């Protein structure tokens, strides 16, 4: 376990450095690092501080957040197919961003789009608790999440269908594919505080998630409150997924695939999977974002496309293993 954590940490740190040094500007490694740490004026420090650093920070934070929330949802629902978008918050955040693009608010201010997405995520959380109720179980939570996701998806489709402006519709489609390009430190400070709070909330559920593997009755006998656990977990997931979607768009498969890959290395304890999945998510998303800049850089390949191309075959492989009698 410790060796795995150290290895993933080292890989994530290396990929973070590579993310800072990768781009079309043709900046050398030592020149870029010197400009980043020493500051100063000129194009090189601006590129490093205002373009590459926010992109690397967001890639690390969002990847870690998606990996962490995926492991937490799978542990809580005791379902290896669970993923962060299951509760519908990401869909509502996307709908808020889509409405901002369609209405023209995103042109009025660079913060209008992520703020609208955060408002959509907050509405999604409110709807989730209204539908699931304070005493609802995991099945009720899943059904409420599916209903909210369907509502958000139909709203997004309706906006696209009724859009009189083909340019706005095109911008919506590309935003939904997910990207970290052209993000600034403003986006970092908008997303990072709630994501850190959400990570702390999820981390406090680790012992309860371990107890839940014995069953709800056994967990209750050990002092675990199902209602309190669900409240902390759902709020924690929403605080991570909502801001992540707000600043980066829809990025799928990270929270679903990363816990599957790492589970055989840490055993059956959900608490052991939380930290490793966070590190693995950071590794996956940083790798994908570096690949976006190296593969067809002139065509603006989207981050969500890369994660889907990597995640979908891995997920199909997991399904095949289960069908063949293997363990997921």
Protein backbone atom coordinates (compact mmCIF):
# COMPACT_ATOMS: atom_id res chain seq x y z
CA UNK A 1 0.00 0.00 0.00
CA UNK A 2 2.71 2.49 1.00
CA UNK A 3 4.81 1.59 -2.05
CA UNK A 4 1.80 2.12 -4.32
CA UNK A 5 1.06 5.53 -2.78
CA UNK A 6 4.70 6.61 -3.13
CA UNK A 7 4.84 5.40 -6.73
CA UNK A 8 1.63 7.18 -7.73
CA UNK A 9 2.77 10.35 -5.97
CA UNK A 10 6.08 10.30 -7.85
CA UNK A 11 4.35 9.69 -11.19
CA UNK A 12 1.83 12.48 -10.53
CA UNK A 13 4.65 14.89 -9.61
CA UNK A 14 6.55 13.99 -12.78
CA UNK A 15 3.45 14.45 -14.94
CA UNK A 16 2.73 17.79 -13.23
CA UNK A 17 6.21 18.96 -14.21
CA UNK A 18 5.74 17.66 -17.77
CA UNK A 19 2.42 19.48 -17.98
CA UNK A 20 4.20 22.73 -17.08
CA UNK A 21 6.78 22.13 -19.79
CA UNK A 22 4.44 20.97 -22.59
CA UNK A 23 2.91 23.37 -25.07
CA UNK A 24 3.21 25.01 -28.48
CA UNK A 25 5.24 27.99 -27.25
CA UNK A 26 8.56 26.15 -27.60
CA UNK A 27 9.85 27.16 -24.16
CA UNK A 28 12.85 25.18 -22.91
CA UNK A 29 12.65 23.28 -19.62
CA UNK A 30 15.15 25.37 -17.67
CA UNK A 31 13.91 28.60 -19.20
CA UNK A 32 10.32 27.76 -18.30
CA UNK A 33 11.07 26.70 -14.73
CA UNK A 34 13.25 29.78 -14.16
CA UNK A 35 10.48 32.04 -15.45
CA UNK A 36 7.92 30.26 -13.26
CA UNK A 37 9.89 30.55 -10.03
CA UNK A 38 11.72 33.83 -10.61
CA UNK A 39 8.80 35.71 -12.15
CA UNK A 40 9.42 38.89 -14.07
CA UNK A 41 7.86 40.40 -17.17
CA UNK A 42 7.83 39.18 -20.73
CA UNK A 43 6.02 36.47 -22.65
CA UNK A 44 7.72 33.45 -21.05
CA UNK A 45 6.72 34.23 -17.41
CA UNK A 46 3.20 35.09 -18.57
CA UNK A 47 2.85 31.79 -20.42
CA UNK A 48 4.16 29.82 -17.46
CA UNK A 49 2.21 31.60 -14.72
CA UNK A 50 -1.06 32.44 -16.50
CA UNK A 51 -1.51 29.53 -18.93
CA UNK A 52 0.49 26.43 -18.03
CA UNK A 53 0.43 26.60 -14.22
CA UNK A 54 -3.38 26.91 -13.94
CA UNK A 55 -3.81 24.09 -16.45
CA UNK A 56 -1.48 21.78 -14.54
CA UNK A 57 -3.06 22.62 -11.17
CA UNK A 58 -6.59 22.05 -12.48
CA UNK A 59 -5.58 18.80 -14.19
CA UNK A 60 -4.12 17.48 -10.95
CA UNK A 61 -6.98 18.70 -8.74
CA UNK A 62 -9.84 17.63 -11.01
CA UNK A 63 -8.30 14.24 -11.75
CA UNK A 64 -7.72 13.62 -8.04
CA UNK A 65 -11.24 14.77 -7.21
CA UNK A 66 -12.89 12.53 -9.80
CA UNK A 67 -10.83 9.53 -8.71
CA UNK A 68 -11.65 10.17 -5.04
CA UNK A 69 -15.38 10.62 -5.61
CA UNK A 70 -15.54 7.53 -7.82
CA UNK A 71 -13.95 5.38 -5.09
CA UNK A 72 -16.25 6.90 -2.46
CA UNK A 73 -19.42 6.30 -4.48
CA UNK A 74 -18.43 2.71 -5.25
CA UNK A 75 -17.69 2.09 -1.58
CA UNK A 76 -20.92 3.64 -0.36
CA UNK A 77 -23.19 1.94 -2.88
CA UNK A 78 -21.13 -1.27 -2.79
CA UNK A 79 -21.41 -1.26 -6.55
CA UNK A 80 -18.31 -1.28 -8.80
CA UNK A 81 -20.33 0.41 -11.56
CA UNK A 82 -21.02 3.55 -9.52
CA UNK A 83 -19.36 6.80 -10.59
CA UNK A 84 -19.43 10.48 -9.52
CA UNK A 85 -21.99 11.58 -12.11
CA UNK A 86 -24.53 9.13 -10.72
CA UNK A 87 -26.12 11.71 -8.39
CA UNK A 88 -26.84 14.11 -11.27
CA UNK A 89 -24.81 17.09 -10.04
CA UNK A 90 -22.45 17.07 -13.03
CA UNK A 91 -25.39 17.04 -15.44
CA UNK A 92 -27.01 20.01 -13.71
CA UNK A 93 -23.69 21.88 -13.69
CA UNK A 94 -23.38 21.24 -17.42
CA UNK A 95 -26.93 22.50 -17.96
CA UNK A 96 -26.12 25.71 -16.07
CA UNK A 97 -23.08 26.27 -18.27
CA UNK A 98 -25.06 25.52 -21.42
CA UNK A 99 -27.67 28.11 -20.46
CA UNK A 100 -24.91 30.66 -19.87
CA UNK A 101 -23.49 30.03 -23.34
CA UNK A 102 -26.88 30.10 -25.05
CA UNK A 103 -28.03 33.28 -23.30
CA UNK A 104 -24.80 35.12 -24.05
CA UNK A 105 -23.83 35.53 -20.38
CA UNK A 106 -20.52 33.78 -21.06
CA UNK A 107 -19.59 36.64 -23.40
CA UNK A 108 -20.33 39.29 -20.77
CA UNK A 109 -17.83 37.96 -18.23
CA UNK A 110 -15.25 35.15 -18.21
CA UNK A 111 -16.64 34.03 -14.83
CA UNK A 112 -20.27 33.87 -15.97
CA UNK A 113 -19.95 30.35 -17.37
CA UNK A 114 -18.33 28.64 -14.34
CA UNK A 115 -20.55 30.56 -11.90
CA UNK A 116 -23.66 29.50 -13.83
CA UNK A 117 -22.42 25.91 -13.74
CA UNK A 118 -21.93 26.15 -9.98
CA UNK A 119 -25.47 27.48 -9.59
CA UNK A 120 -26.72 24.54 -11.65
CA UNK A 121 -24.78 22.15 -9.41
CA UNK A 122 -26.32 23.75 -6.30
CA UNK A 123 -29.79 23.32 -7.77
CA UNK A 124 -28.94 19.70 -8.49
CA UNK A 125 -27.94 19.13 -4.85
CA UNK A 126 -31.20 20.69 -3.64
CA UNK A 127 -33.25 18.53 -6.02
CA UNK A 128 -31.36 15.43 -4.91
CA UNK A 129 -32.15 15.96 -1.24
CA UNK A 130 -35.76 16.85 -2.03
CA UNK A 131 -36.25 13.66 -4.03
CA UNK A 132 -34.21 11.28 -1.89
CA UNK A 133 -35.43 12.62 1.44
CA UNK A 134 -33.52 12.60 4.74
CA UNK A 135 -34.14 8.91 5.42
CA UNK A 136 -33.94 7.44 1.93
CA UNK A 137 -31.59 4.55 1.27
CA UNK A 138 -29.01 3.98 -1.42
CA UNK A 139 -31.60 2.78 -3.95
CA UNK A 140 -33.60 5.99 -3.49
CA UNK A 141 -30.41 8.01 -3.94
CA UNK A 142 -29.61 6.22 -7.19
CA UNK A 143 -33.12 6.70 -8.55
CA UNK A 144 -33.09 10.40 -7.61
CA UNK A 145 -29.70 10.82 -9.29
CA UNK A 146 -30.89 9.08 -12.44
CA UNK A 147 -33.98 11.32 -12.55
CA UNK A 148 -31.91 14.48 -12.14
CA UNK A 149 -29.41 13.33 -14.78
CA UNK A 150 -32.29 12.65 -17.19
CA UNK A 151 -33.75 16.09 -16.46
CA UNK A 152 -30.42 17.80 -17.03
CA UNK A 153 -29.75 15.81 -20.21
CA UNK A 154 -33.15 16.62 -21.66
CA UNK A 155 -32.69 20.31 -20.77
CA UNK A 156 -29.32 20.39 -22.51
CA UNK A 157 -30.75 18.66 -25.58
CA UNK A 158 -33.66 21.12 -25.63
CA UNK A 159 -31.33 24.12 -25.53
CA UNK A 160 -29.29 22.68 -28.41
CA UNK A 161 -32.41 21.86 -30.38
CA UNK A 162 -33.92 25.34 -30.02
CA UNK A 163 -30.67 27.26 -30.42
CA UNK A 164 -31.09 29.80 -33.25
CA UNK A 165 -27.37 30.51 -33.27
CA UNK A 166 -25.22 27.75 -34.81
CA UNK A 167 -22.09 29.28 -33.30
CA UNK A 168 -23.52 29.04 -29.78
CA UNK A 169 -24.61 25.45 -30.44
CA UNK A 170 -21.12 24.62 -31.68
CA UNK A 171 -19.57 26.22 -28.59
CA UNK A 172 -21.92 24.22 -26.34
CA UNK A 173 -20.99 20.94 -28.01
CA UNK A 174 -17.27 21.61 -27.71
CA UNK A 175 -17.60 22.74 -24.08
CA UNK A 176 -19.44 19.53 -23.21
CA UNK A 177 -16.46 17.54 -24.47
CA UNK A 178 -14.32 18.89 -21.64
CA UNK A 179 -11.09 20.86 -21.77
CA UNK A 180 -8.50 22.59 -19.59
CA UNK A 181 -7.30 24.95 -22.32
CA UNK A 182 -7.41 28.71 -21.71
CA UNK A 183 -8.06 28.37 -17.98
CA UNK A 184 -6.57 30.94 -15.63
CA UNK A 185 -5.75 31.24 -11.94
CA UNK A 186 -9.22 32.72 -11.49
CA UNK A 187 -10.66 29.33 -12.40
CA UNK A 188 -8.25 27.68 -9.99
CA UNK A 189 -9.35 29.85 -7.06
CA UNK A 190 -12.99 29.39 -8.03
CA UNK A 191 -12.82 25.59 -8.07
CA UNK A 192 -10.12 24.64 -5.59
CA UNK A 193 -11.63 25.77 -2.22
CA UNK A 194 -14.94 23.85 -2.57
CA UNK A 195 -13.11 20.84 -3.98
CA UNK A 196 -10.74 20.76 -1.01
CA UNK A 197 -13.69 21.01 1.39
CA UNK A 198 -15.41 18.17 -0.44
CA UNK A 199 -12.26 16.03 -0.23
CA UNK A 200 -12.07 16.59 3.54
CA UNK A 201 -15.74 15.59 3.93
CA UNK A 202 -15.21 12.40 1.94
CA UNK A 203 -12.05 11.57 3.86
CA UNK A 204 -14.01 11.70 7.13
CA UNK A 205 -16.28 8.90 5.84
CA UNK A 206 -13.49 6.36 5.35
CA UNK A 207 -14.11 4.37 8.56
CA UNK A 208 -17.86 4.35 7.95
CA UNK A 209 -17.30 3.09 4.39
CA UNK A 210 -15.19 0.23 5.76
CA UNK A 211 -17.94 -0.65 8.23
CA UNK A 212 -20.53 -0.54 5.47
CA UNK A 213 -18.84 -3.44 3.68
CA UNK A 214 -20.26 -5.69 6.44
CA UNK A 215 -23.80 -4.54 5.64
CA UNK A 216 -25.99 -1.65 6.77
CA UNK A 217 -27.20 -3.47 9.89
CA UNK A 218 -23.67 -4.32 11.00
CA UNK A 219 -22.50 -0.79 10.27
CA UNK A 220 -25.36 0.65 12.33
CA UNK A 221 -24.42 -1.69 15.20
CA UNK A 222 -20.86 -0.28 15.00
CA UNK A 223 -22.20 3.25 15.47
CA UNK A 224 -22.45 4.37 11.84
CA UNK A 225 -25.40 6.64 11.10
CA UNK A 226 -26.59 5.93 7.54
CA UNK A 227 -28.24 9.35 7.22
CA UNK A 228 -25.15 11.23 8.43
CA UNK A 229 -22.88 9.15 6.19
CA UNK A 230 -25.02 9.80 3.13
CA UNK A 231 -25.21 13.53 3.89
CA UNK A 232 -21.43 13.93 4.20
CA UNK A 233 -20.74 11.76 1.17
CA UNK A 234 -23.25 13.40 -1.17
CA UNK A 235 -22.22 16.92 -0.17
CA UNK A 236 -18.55 15.98 -0.52
CA UNK A 237 -19.08 14.49 -3.98
CA UNK A 238 -21.14 17.50 -5.07
CA UNK A 239 -18.50 19.97 -3.83
CA UNK A 240 -15.93 18.23 -6.02
CA UNK A 241 -17.91 17.26 -9.11
CA UNK A 242 -19.81 20.56 -9.42
CA UNK A 243 -16.76 22.88 -9.52
CA UNK A 244 -14.82 20.37 -11.64
CA UNK A 245 -17.58 20.37 -14.26
CA UNK A 246 -17.91 24.14 -13.97
CA UNK A 247 -14.32 24.87 -14.96
CA UNK A 248 -13.45 21.88 -17.17
CA UNK A 249 -16.71 20.66 -18.72
CA UNK A 250 -17.88 17.08 -18.77
CA UNK A 251 -14.99 14.64 -18.26
CA UNK A 252 -16.08 11.05 -17.96
CA UNK A 253 -14.67 7.63 -17.06
CA UNK A 254 -12.00 8.87 -14.62
CA UNK A 255 -14.05 8.19 -11.51
CA UNK A 256 -15.31 4.90 -12.90
CA UNK A 257 -12.14 3.31 -14.27
CA UNK A 258 -9.41 4.44 -11.85
CA UNK A 259 -10.86 2.68 -8.75
CA UNK A 260 -11.28 -0.50 -10.82
CA UNK A 261 -7.66 -0.46 -11.90
CA UNK A 262 -6.31 0.13 -8.39
CA UNK A 263 -8.69 -2.05 -6.36
CA UNK A 264 -6.68 -5.29 -6.81
CA UNK A 265 -3.62 -3.51 -5.40
CA UNK A 266 -5.24 -2.29 -2.16
CA UNK A 267 -7.68 -5.07 -1.26
CA UNK A 268 -11.34 -4.81 -0.41
CA UNK A 269 -11.20 -1.88 2.05
CA UNK A 270 -12.86 1.25 0.57
CA UNK A 271 -10.79 3.50 2.83
CA UNK A 272 -7.57 2.20 1.29
CA UNK A 273 -8.90 2.96 -2.16
CA UNK A 274 -9.70 6.64 -1.50
CA UNK A 275 -6.15 8.02 -1.46
CA UNK A 276 -4.83 5.74 -4.19
CA UNK A 277 -7.78 6.57 -6.47
CA UNK A 278 -7.20 10.28 -5.94
CA UNK A 279 -3.55 9.90 -6.96
CA UNK A 280 -4.49 7.61 -9.85
CA UNK A 281 -7.08 10.10 -11.08
CA UNK A 282 -4.49 12.87 -11.07
CA UNK A 283 -2.11 10.63 -13.03
CA UNK A 284 -4.77 9.75 -15.61
CA UNK A 285 -6.04 13.28 -16.19
CA UNK A 286 -2.58 14.86 -16.33
CA UNK A 287 -1.52 12.19 -18.82
CA UNK A 288 -4.62 12.81 -20.94
CA UNK A 289 -4.09 16.58 -20.88
CA UNK A 290 -0.48 16.19 -21.97
CA UNK A 291 -1.63 13.88 -24.77
CA UNK A 292 -4.16 16.51 -25.90
CA UNK A 293 -1.32 18.96 -26.48
CA UNK A 294 0.88 16.43 -28.29
CA UNK A 295 -1.72 14.67 -30.49
CA UNK A 296 -3.10 16.93 -33.22
CA UNK A 297 -2.35 20.17 -31.34
CA UNK A 298 -3.64 22.23 -34.25
CA UNK A 299 -7.11 20.60 -34.09
CA UNK A 300 -7.91 21.37 -30.41
CA UNK A 301 -8.53 17.77 -29.38
CA UNK A 302 -10.78 17.74 -26.30
CA UNK A 303 -9.82 16.24 -22.96
CA UNK A 304 -13.09 14.37 -22.48
CA UNK A 305 -12.56 12.63 -25.81
CA UNK A 306 -9.17 11.30 -24.69
CA UNK A 307 -10.48 10.06 -21.33
CA UNK A 308 -13.37 8.33 -23.11
CA UNK A 309 -11.02 6.71 -25.63
CA UNK A 310 -8.89 5.39 -22.76
CA UNK A 311 -11.68 4.62 -20.30
CA UNK A 312 -14.22 2.92 -22.54
CA UNK A 313 -11.94 0.03 -23.65
CA UNK A 314 -10.79 -0.51 -20.07
CA UNK A 315 -14.39 -0.58 -18.90
CA UNK A 316 -15.31 -3.06 -21.63
CA UNK A 317 -12.38 -5.22 -20.52
CA UNK A 318 -13.68 -5.19 -16.96
CA UNK A 319 -17.13 -6.22 -18.15
CA UNK A 320 -15.60 -9.05 -20.17
CA UNK A 321 -13.66 -10.26 -17.11
CA UNK A 322 -16.86 -10.30 -15.08
CA UNK A 323 -18.73 -12.16 -17.79
CA UNK A 324 -15.91 -14.70 -17.97
CA UNK A 325 -16.11 -15.34 -14.24
CA UNK A 326 -13.30 -13.07 -13.13
CA UNK A 327 -13.57 -10.56 -10.30
CA UNK A 328 -13.97 -6.85 -10.93
